[in-house]
Amino acid sequence: MTDWKTVPIEPTTVQLRAGQDAWLKDPLRLSSTLYRAMVAASPAAPGDEVEPAARFWIIAQEVGMLPDQKGPFPVSRSAEIIREFMTARRSARLTYLTVGRDGTPMVDHAPEVLQILDGRSMSSARKHNDRVRAAEASSPTGLPKDEGDA
């Protein structure tokens, strides 16, 4: 099956550079290598732009345990969901995960996201971070402490 992609009539500078780089790295100097790199580097066609993700995930990791991923949740409920996790998982390191327009994962510290979304939550986020640090410091798992905790 052939996949389809709309590309500009005149290649962009980014496409030209990608094609040249790929072609120069190809020991056989195949034109198909150049072509594929240029198509992959082409911008989205007008009307084909991907909207930013309207969902997020929370990754909670208790000291000495494997990470636990929950979600997806609607971005519109970010502050509410983060507060719920901070209450329910009091000593878990909480990570806020979204996916960018280009499919790149964006990882943030969930209490910091809450502080950005809602300035009223600064002390709640600080207290949560303190509980996480205390749990990590008392962990029998041998996980390294922060260098400043010596």
N, C-alpha and C. Protein backbone atom coordinates (compact mmCIF):
# COMPACT_ATOMS: atom_id res chain seq x y z
N MET A 1 0.84 -1.18 0.00
CA MET A 1 0.00 0.00 0.00
C MET A 1 0.88 1.24 0.00
N THR A 2 0.48 2.24 -0.75
CA THR A 2 1.23 3.48 -0.84
C THR A 2 0.63 4.50 0.10
N ASP A 3 1.47 5.07 0.97
CA ASP A 3 1.02 6.16 1.83
C ASP A 3 1.09 7.46 1.05
N TRP A 4 0.23 8.42 1.41
CA TRP A 4 0.17 9.69 0.71
C TRP A 4 0.54 10.83 1.64
N LYS A 5 1.16 11.85 1.05
CA LYS A 5 1.48 13.07 1.77
C LYS A 5 1.52 14.21 0.76
N THR A 6 0.88 15.33 1.11
CA THR A 6 0.92 16.50 0.26
C THR A 6 2.17 17.29 0.60
N VAL A 7 2.94 17.65 -0.42
CA VAL A 7 4.18 18.40 -0.21
C VAL A 7 4.14 19.69 -1.03
N PRO A 8 4.94 20.70 -0.68
CA PRO A 8 4.96 21.94 -1.45
C PRO A 8 5.51 21.73 -2.86
N ILE A 9 5.07 22.56 -3.80
CA ILE A 9 5.58 22.47 -5.17
C ILE A 9 7.07 22.80 -5.19
N GLU A 10 7.43 23.88 -4.52
CA GLU A 10 8.85 24.24 -4.38
C GLU A 10 9.33 23.79 -3.01
N PRO A 11 10.41 23.03 -2.93
CA PRO A 11 10.88 22.54 -1.62
C PRO A 11 11.34 23.68 -0.72
N THR A 12 11.13 23.48 0.57
CA THR A 12 11.59 24.46 1.56
C THR A 12 13.08 24.26 1.82
N THR A 13 13.69 25.22 2.48
CA THR A 13 15.10 25.11 2.85
C THR A 13 15.33 23.90 3.74
N VAL A 14 14.40 23.67 4.65
CA VAL A 14 14.51 22.53 5.56
C VAL A 14 14.50 21.22 4.77
N GLN A 15 13.62 21.12 3.79
CA GLN A 15 13.56 19.91 2.96
C GLN A 15 14.85 19.71 2.17
N LEU A 16 15.35 20.80 1.58
CA LEU A 16 16.59 20.70 0.80
C LEU A 16 17.75 20.25 1.66
N ARG A 17 17.86 20.82 2.86
CA ARG A 17 18.95 20.45 3.77
C ARG A 17 18.82 18.98 4.19
N ALA A 18 17.58 18.55 4.50
CA ALA A 18 17.37 17.16 4.91
C ALA A 18 17.72 16.20 3.78
N GLY A 19 17.32 16.54 2.56
CA GLY A 19 17.64 15.69 1.41
C GLY A 19 19.13 15.60 1.16
N GLN A 20 19.80 16.75 1.23
CA GLN A 20 21.25 16.77 1.00
C GLN A 20 21.98 15.95 2.07
N ASP A 21 21.60 16.16 3.35
CA ASP A 21 22.26 15.42 4.43
C ASP A 21 22.08 13.91 4.26
N ALA A 22 20.86 13.50 3.95
CA ALA A 22 20.59 12.07 3.79
C ALA A 22 21.35 11.50 2.59
N TRP A 23 21.37 12.23 1.49
CA TRP A 23 22.03 11.76 0.27
C TRP A 23 23.53 11.62 0.48
N LEU A 24 24.12 12.60 1.19
CA LEU A 24 25.57 12.55 1.44
C LEU A 24 25.96 11.41 2.39
N LYS A 25 25.06 11.03 3.27
CA LYS A 25 25.33 9.93 4.20
C LYS A 25 25.11 8.57 3.55
N ASP A 26 24.39 8.52 2.45
CA ASP A 26 24.09 7.27 1.76
C ASP A 26 25.29 6.89 0.89
N PRO A 27 25.97 5.78 1.19
CA PRO A 27 27.15 5.40 0.41
C PRO A 27 26.83 5.11 -1.07
N LEU A 28 25.59 4.75 -1.36
CA LEU A 28 25.20 4.46 -2.75
C LEU A 28 24.66 5.70 -3.46
N ARG A 29 24.45 6.79 -2.73
CA ARG A 29 23.93 8.05 -3.28
C ARG A 29 22.65 7.82 -4.09
N LEU A 30 21.71 7.08 -3.50
CA LEU A 30 20.45 6.79 -4.17
C LEU A 30 19.54 8.01 -4.16
N SER A 31 18.89 8.26 -5.27
CA SER A 31 17.95 9.39 -5.34
C SER A 31 16.75 9.13 -4.44
N SER A 32 16.39 7.88 -4.21
CA SER A 32 15.27 7.57 -3.33
C SER A 32 15.56 7.99 -1.89
N THR A 33 16.83 7.94 -1.48
CA THR A 33 17.22 8.39 -0.14
C THR A 33 16.95 9.89 -0.01
N LEU A 34 17.36 10.64 -1.01
CA LEU A 34 17.15 12.08 -1.04
C LEU A 34 15.65 12.39 -1.02
N TYR A 35 14.90 11.71 -1.86
CA TYR A 35 13.47 11.94 -1.99
C TYR A 35 12.74 11.67 -0.66
N ARG A 36 13.01 10.52 -0.05
CA ARG A 36 12.34 10.17 1.20
C ARG A 36 12.65 11.17 2.31
N ALA A 37 13.89 11.62 2.39
CA ALA A 37 14.27 12.60 3.42
C ALA A 37 13.55 13.92 3.19
N MET A 38 13.43 14.33 1.94
CA MET A 38 12.76 15.60 1.64
C MET A 38 11.26 15.51 1.93
N VAL A 39 10.65 14.39 1.59
CA VAL A 39 9.22 14.23 1.88
C VAL A 39 8.99 14.20 3.39
N ALA A 40 9.84 13.50 4.11
CA ALA A 40 9.70 13.43 5.57
C ALA A 40 9.85 14.80 6.22
N ALA A 41 10.67 15.67 5.63
CA ALA A 41 10.92 17.00 6.20
C ALA A 41 9.92 18.05 5.72
N SER A 42 8.98 17.67 4.87
CA SER A 42 8.04 18.66 4.33
C SER A 42 7.06 19.13 5.41
N PRO A 43 6.66 20.39 5.33
CA PRO A 43 5.69 20.91 6.31
C PRO A 43 4.31 20.33 6.05
N ALA A 44 3.44 20.45 7.04
CA ALA A 44 2.06 20.00 6.87
C ALA A 44 1.38 20.87 5.83
N ALA A 45 0.53 20.26 5.02
CA ALA A 45 -0.24 21.00 4.02
C ALA A 45 -1.27 21.88 4.71
N PRO A 46 -1.60 23.02 4.13
CA PRO A 46 -2.65 23.86 4.73
C PRO A 46 -3.92 23.04 4.95
N GLY A 47 -4.46 23.16 6.14
CA GLY A 47 -5.66 22.39 6.48
C GLY A 47 -5.35 21.04 7.09
N ASP A 48 -4.10 20.57 6.97
CA ASP A 48 -3.71 19.28 7.53
C ASP A 48 -3.02 19.41 8.88
N GLU A 49 -2.88 20.65 9.38
CA GLU A 49 -2.18 20.85 10.64
C GLU A 49 -2.87 20.06 11.74
N VAL A 50 -2.08 19.46 12.57
CA VAL A 50 -2.61 18.69 13.69
C VAL A 50 -2.83 19.64 14.85
N GLU A 51 -3.98 19.60 15.42
CA GLU A 51 -4.27 20.43 16.58
C GLU A 51 -3.47 19.91 17.78
N PRO A 52 -3.10 20.81 18.68
CA PRO A 52 -2.37 20.35 19.86
C PRO A 52 -3.23 19.36 20.65
N ALA A 53 -2.56 18.45 21.28
CA ALA A 53 -3.27 17.41 22.02
C ALA A 53 -4.13 18.05 23.10
N ALA A 54 -5.32 17.57 23.25
CA ALA A 54 -6.23 18.07 24.27
C ALA A 54 -6.33 17.07 25.41
N ARG A 55 -5.26 16.30 25.61
CA ARG A 55 -5.27 15.30 26.67
C ARG A 55 -3.87 15.20 27.27
N PHE A 56 -3.83 14.63 28.46
CA PHE A 56 -2.56 14.43 29.15
C PHE A 56 -2.62 13.16 29.97
N TRP A 57 -1.47 12.73 30.41
CA TRP A 57 -1.34 11.56 31.28
C TRP A 57 -0.56 11.97 32.51
N ILE A 58 -0.79 11.27 33.60
CA ILE A 58 0.00 11.44 34.82
C ILE A 58 0.76 10.14 35.03
N ILE A 59 2.04 10.28 35.28
CA ILE A 59 2.87 9.12 35.63
C ILE A 59 3.25 9.30 37.09
N ALA A 60 2.80 8.38 37.93
CA ALA A 60 3.07 8.44 39.36
C ALA A 60 4.09 7.36 39.69
N GLN A 61 5.13 7.75 40.42
CA GLN A 61 6.14 6.77 40.80
C GLN A 61 6.45 6.90 42.28
N GLU A 62 6.05 5.88 43.01
CA GLU A 62 6.39 5.80 44.43
C GLU A 62 7.84 5.36 44.54
N VAL A 63 8.47 5.71 45.63
CA VAL A 63 9.87 5.35 45.84
C VAL A 63 10.04 3.84 45.77
N GLY A 64 11.00 3.40 44.96
CA GLY A 64 11.31 1.98 44.84
C GLY A 64 10.32 1.18 44.02
N MET A 65 9.36 1.84 43.40
CA MET A 65 8.34 1.14 42.62
C MET A 65 8.46 1.54 41.15
N LEU A 66 7.86 0.74 40.27
CA LEU A 66 7.82 1.07 38.85
C LEU A 66 6.81 2.20 38.62
N PRO A 67 7.02 3.01 37.60
CA PRO A 67 6.07 4.09 37.31
C PRO A 67 4.70 3.53 36.95
N ASP A 68 3.67 4.28 37.31
CA ASP A 68 2.29 3.90 37.06
C ASP A 68 1.65 5.00 36.23
N GLN A 69 1.31 4.70 34.97
CA GLN A 69 0.75 5.70 34.06
C GLN A 69 -0.76 5.68 34.12
N LYS A 70 -1.37 6.86 34.25
CA LYS A 70 -2.83 6.99 34.29
C LYS A 70 -3.27 8.02 33.26
N GLY A 71 -4.39 7.77 32.63
CA GLY A 71 -4.91 8.71 31.66
C GLY A 71 -5.31 7.98 30.41
N PRO A 72 -5.67 8.68 29.38
CA PRO A 72 -5.56 10.13 29.22
C PRO A 72 -6.71 10.87 29.91
N PHE A 73 -6.41 12.12 30.27
CA PHE A 73 -7.37 13.03 30.87
C PHE A 73 -7.48 14.26 29.97
N PRO A 74 -8.62 14.95 30.00
CA PRO A 74 -8.73 16.19 29.20
C PRO A 74 -7.87 17.29 29.81
N VAL A 75 -7.15 18.01 28.98
CA VAL A 75 -6.28 19.09 29.44
C VAL A 75 -7.05 20.13 30.24
N SER A 76 -8.31 20.32 29.90
CA SER A 76 -9.13 21.30 30.61
C SER A 76 -9.28 20.98 32.10
N ARG A 77 -9.00 19.75 32.49
CA ARG A 77 -9.11 19.34 33.91
C ARG A 77 -7.74 19.15 34.56
N SER A 78 -6.69 19.70 33.97
CA SER A 78 -5.33 19.48 34.46
C SER A 78 -5.17 19.81 35.94
N ALA A 79 -5.54 21.02 36.34
CA ALA A 79 -5.34 21.43 37.74
C ALA A 79 -6.10 20.50 38.68
N GLU A 80 -7.34 20.21 38.37
CA GLU A 80 -8.16 19.33 39.21
C GLU A 80 -7.54 17.94 39.35
N ILE A 81 -7.12 17.36 38.25
CA ILE A 81 -6.56 16.00 38.26
C ILE A 81 -5.23 15.98 39.02
N ILE A 82 -4.39 16.98 38.79
CA ILE A 82 -3.10 17.01 39.50
C ILE A 82 -3.34 17.10 41.00
N ARG A 83 -4.29 17.96 41.42
CA ARG A 83 -4.60 18.06 42.86
C ARG A 83 -5.07 16.72 43.41
N GLU A 84 -5.91 16.00 42.65
CA GLU A 84 -6.39 14.69 43.09
C GLU A 84 -5.23 13.72 43.27
N PHE A 85 -4.29 13.71 42.34
CA PHE A 85 -3.13 12.81 42.45
C PHE A 85 -2.25 13.21 43.62
N MET A 86 -2.07 14.51 43.85
CA MET A 86 -1.23 14.96 44.97
C MET A 86 -1.84 14.55 46.30
N THR A 87 -3.17 14.48 46.36
CA THR A 87 -3.86 14.05 47.58
C THR A 87 -3.80 12.53 47.73
N ALA A 88 -4.05 11.82 46.65
CA ALA A 88 -4.12 10.35 46.71
C ALA A 88 -2.75 9.69 46.75
N ARG A 89 -1.78 10.25 46.09
CA ARG A 89 -0.43 9.66 46.00
C ARG A 89 0.55 10.62 46.66
N ARG A 90 0.46 10.76 47.96
CA ARG A 90 1.14 11.82 48.71
C ARG A 90 2.66 11.81 48.60
N SER A 91 3.26 10.65 48.40
CA SER A 91 4.73 10.63 48.31
C SER A 91 5.22 10.17 46.94
N ALA A 92 4.35 10.20 45.95
CA ALA A 92 4.73 9.78 44.60
C ALA A 92 5.27 10.96 43.81
N ARG A 93 6.32 10.70 43.04
CA ARG A 93 6.81 11.70 42.10
C ARG A 93 5.82 11.71 40.94
N LEU A 94 5.24 12.87 40.64
CA LEU A 94 4.19 12.98 39.63
C LEU A 94 4.71 13.70 38.39
N THR A 95 4.56 13.05 37.25
CA THR A 95 5.00 13.60 35.98
C THR A 95 3.79 13.85 35.11
N TYR A 96 3.77 15.00 34.43
CA TYR A 96 2.68 15.43 33.55
C TYR A 96 3.16 15.23 32.12
N LEU A 97 2.48 14.39 31.36
CA LEU A 97 2.90 14.03 30.01
C LEU A 97 1.85 14.46 28.99
N THR A 98 2.29 15.23 27.99
CA THR A 98 1.45 15.58 26.85
C THR A 98 2.22 15.22 25.59
N VAL A 99 1.56 15.30 24.45
CA VAL A 99 2.20 15.01 23.18
C VAL A 99 2.03 16.24 22.28
N GLY A 100 3.15 16.72 21.74
CA GLY A 100 3.13 17.91 20.90
C GLY A 100 2.53 17.66 19.53
N ARG A 101 2.40 18.73 18.77
CA ARG A 101 1.81 18.64 17.43
C ARG A 101 2.56 17.67 16.54
N ASP A 102 3.87 17.59 16.72
CA ASP A 102 4.67 16.72 15.86
C ASP A 102 4.84 15.31 16.43
N GLY A 103 4.11 15.02 17.52
CA GLY A 103 4.19 13.70 18.13
C GLY A 103 5.27 13.56 19.18
N THR A 104 5.98 14.65 19.46
CA THR A 104 7.04 14.62 20.46
C THR A 104 6.44 14.66 21.87
N PRO A 105 6.82 13.72 22.73
CA PRO A 105 6.30 13.77 24.09
C PRO A 105 6.89 14.96 24.85
N MET A 106 6.06 15.62 25.65
CA MET A 106 6.50 16.72 26.48
C MET A 106 6.28 16.32 27.93
N VAL A 107 7.35 16.32 28.70
CA VAL A 107 7.31 15.83 30.07
C VAL A 107 7.57 17.00 31.02
N ASP A 108 6.69 17.16 32.00
CA ASP A 108 6.83 18.21 33.00
C ASP A 108 6.57 17.65 34.38
N HIS A 109 7.07 18.34 35.39
CA HIS A 109 6.83 17.99 36.78
C HIS A 109 5.42 18.46 37.12
N ALA A 110 4.50 17.53 37.47
CA ALA A 110 3.09 17.86 37.65
C ALA A 110 2.84 18.97 38.68
N PRO A 111 3.49 18.97 39.86
CA PRO A 111 3.25 20.08 40.79
C PRO A 111 3.67 21.44 40.21
N GLU A 112 4.69 21.45 39.37
CA GLU A 112 5.10 22.70 38.73
C GLU A 112 4.04 23.14 37.72
N VAL A 113 3.45 22.20 37.00
CA VAL A 113 2.36 22.53 36.06
C VAL A 113 1.20 23.13 36.84
N LEU A 114 0.89 22.56 38.00
CA LEU A 114 -0.19 23.10 38.82
C LEU A 114 0.12 24.53 39.26
N GLN A 115 1.36 24.78 39.64
CA GLN A 115 1.74 26.14 40.03
C GLN A 115 1.55 27.12 38.88
N ILE A 116 1.87 26.69 37.67
CA ILE A 116 1.71 27.56 36.49
C ILE A 116 0.24 27.79 36.20
N LEU A 117 -0.57 26.74 36.31
CA LEU A 117 -2.00 26.86 36.00
C LEU A 117 -2.75 27.66 37.05
N ASP A 118 -2.33 27.51 38.30
CA ASP A 118 -3.10 28.08 39.41
C ASP A 118 -2.13 28.58 40.46
N GLY A 119 -1.83 29.85 40.46
CA GLY A 119 -0.88 30.42 41.41
C GLY A 119 -1.25 30.18 42.86
N ARG A 120 -2.51 29.85 43.15
CA ARG A 120 -2.94 29.59 44.52
C ARG A 120 -2.34 28.29 45.06
N SER A 121 -1.85 27.45 44.21
CA SER A 121 -1.41 26.12 44.62
C SER A 121 0.08 26.02 44.90
N MET A 122 0.75 27.16 45.00
CA MET A 122 2.20 27.13 45.24
C MET A 122 2.55 26.35 46.51
N SER A 123 1.87 26.62 47.61
CA SER A 123 2.22 25.94 48.85
C SER A 123 1.86 24.46 48.80
N SER A 124 0.76 24.11 48.14
CA SER A 124 0.40 22.69 48.01
C SER A 124 1.45 21.93 47.23
N ALA A 125 1.91 22.51 46.14
CA ALA A 125 2.94 21.87 45.32
C ALA A 125 4.24 21.76 46.11
N ARG A 126 4.60 22.80 46.84
CA ARG A 126 5.83 22.78 47.63
C ARG A 126 5.76 21.69 48.69
N LYS A 127 4.61 21.57 49.36
CA LYS A 127 4.45 20.54 50.40
C LYS A 127 4.54 19.14 49.78
N HIS A 128 3.94 18.96 48.61
CA HIS A 128 4.01 17.66 47.95
C HIS A 128 5.47 17.32 47.62
N ASN A 129 6.20 18.28 47.07
CA ASN A 129 7.61 18.04 46.74
C ASN A 129 8.41 17.70 47.99
N ASP A 130 8.12 18.36 49.10
CA ASP A 130 8.82 18.06 50.36
C ASP A 130 8.53 16.63 50.81
N ARG A 131 7.26 16.19 50.68
CA ARG A 131 6.92 14.81 51.07
C ARG A 131 7.64 13.80 50.18
N VAL A 132 7.74 14.09 48.89
CA VAL A 132 8.44 13.18 47.96
C VAL A 132 9.91 13.09 48.35
N ARG A 133 10.53 14.24 48.60
CA ARG A 133 11.95 14.23 48.99
C ARG A 133 12.17 13.46 50.29
N ALA A 134 11.27 13.63 51.26
CA ALA A 134 11.39 12.92 52.53
C ALA A 134 11.26 11.41 52.32
N ALA A 135 10.33 11.01 51.46
CA ALA A 135 10.15 9.57 51.18
C ALA A 135 11.38 9.01 50.48
N GLU A 136 11.95 9.77 49.55
CA GLU A 136 13.15 9.30 48.85
C GLU A 136 14.34 9.23 49.79
N ALA A 137 14.44 10.18 50.71
CA ALA A 137 15.57 10.20 51.65
C ALA A 137 15.52 9.02 52.62
N SER A 138 14.31 8.58 52.96
CA SER A 138 14.19 7.48 53.93
C SER A 138 14.02 6.13 53.26
N SER A 139 14.18 6.08 51.96
CA SER A 139 13.97 4.84 51.22
C SER A 139 15.07 3.82 51.50
N PRO A 140 14.69 2.59 51.82
CA PRO A 140 15.68 1.53 52.02
C PRO A 140 16.16 0.92 50.70
N THR A 141 15.67 1.43 49.57
CA THR A 141 16.01 0.83 48.28
C THR A 141 17.40 1.20 47.80
N GLY A 142 18.02 2.14 48.48
CA GLY A 142 19.35 2.54 48.06
C GLY A 142 19.35 3.52 46.90
N LEU A 143 18.20 4.11 46.60
CA LEU A 143 18.17 5.11 45.53
C LEU A 143 19.02 6.30 45.95
N PRO A 144 19.77 6.86 45.04
CA PRO A 144 20.63 7.99 45.39
C PRO A 144 19.83 9.19 45.81
N LYS A 145 20.34 9.90 46.81
CA LYS A 145 19.74 11.16 47.25
C LYS A 145 20.25 12.26 46.33
N ASP A 146 19.56 13.40 46.35
CA ASP A 146 20.08 14.55 45.62
C ASP A 146 21.41 14.93 46.20
N GLU A 147 22.31 15.46 45.39
CA GLU A 147 23.65 15.80 45.84
C GLU A 147 23.63 16.80 46.99
N GLY A 148 22.65 17.68 47.03
CA GLY A 148 22.57 18.69 48.08
C GLY A 148 22.04 18.15 49.40
N ASP A 149 21.63 16.88 49.45
CA ASP A 149 21.05 16.31 50.65
C ASP A 149 22.10 15.67 51.58
N ALA A 150 23.34 15.73 51.23
CA ALA A 150 24.38 15.04 52.00
C ALA A 150 24.49 15.50 53.43
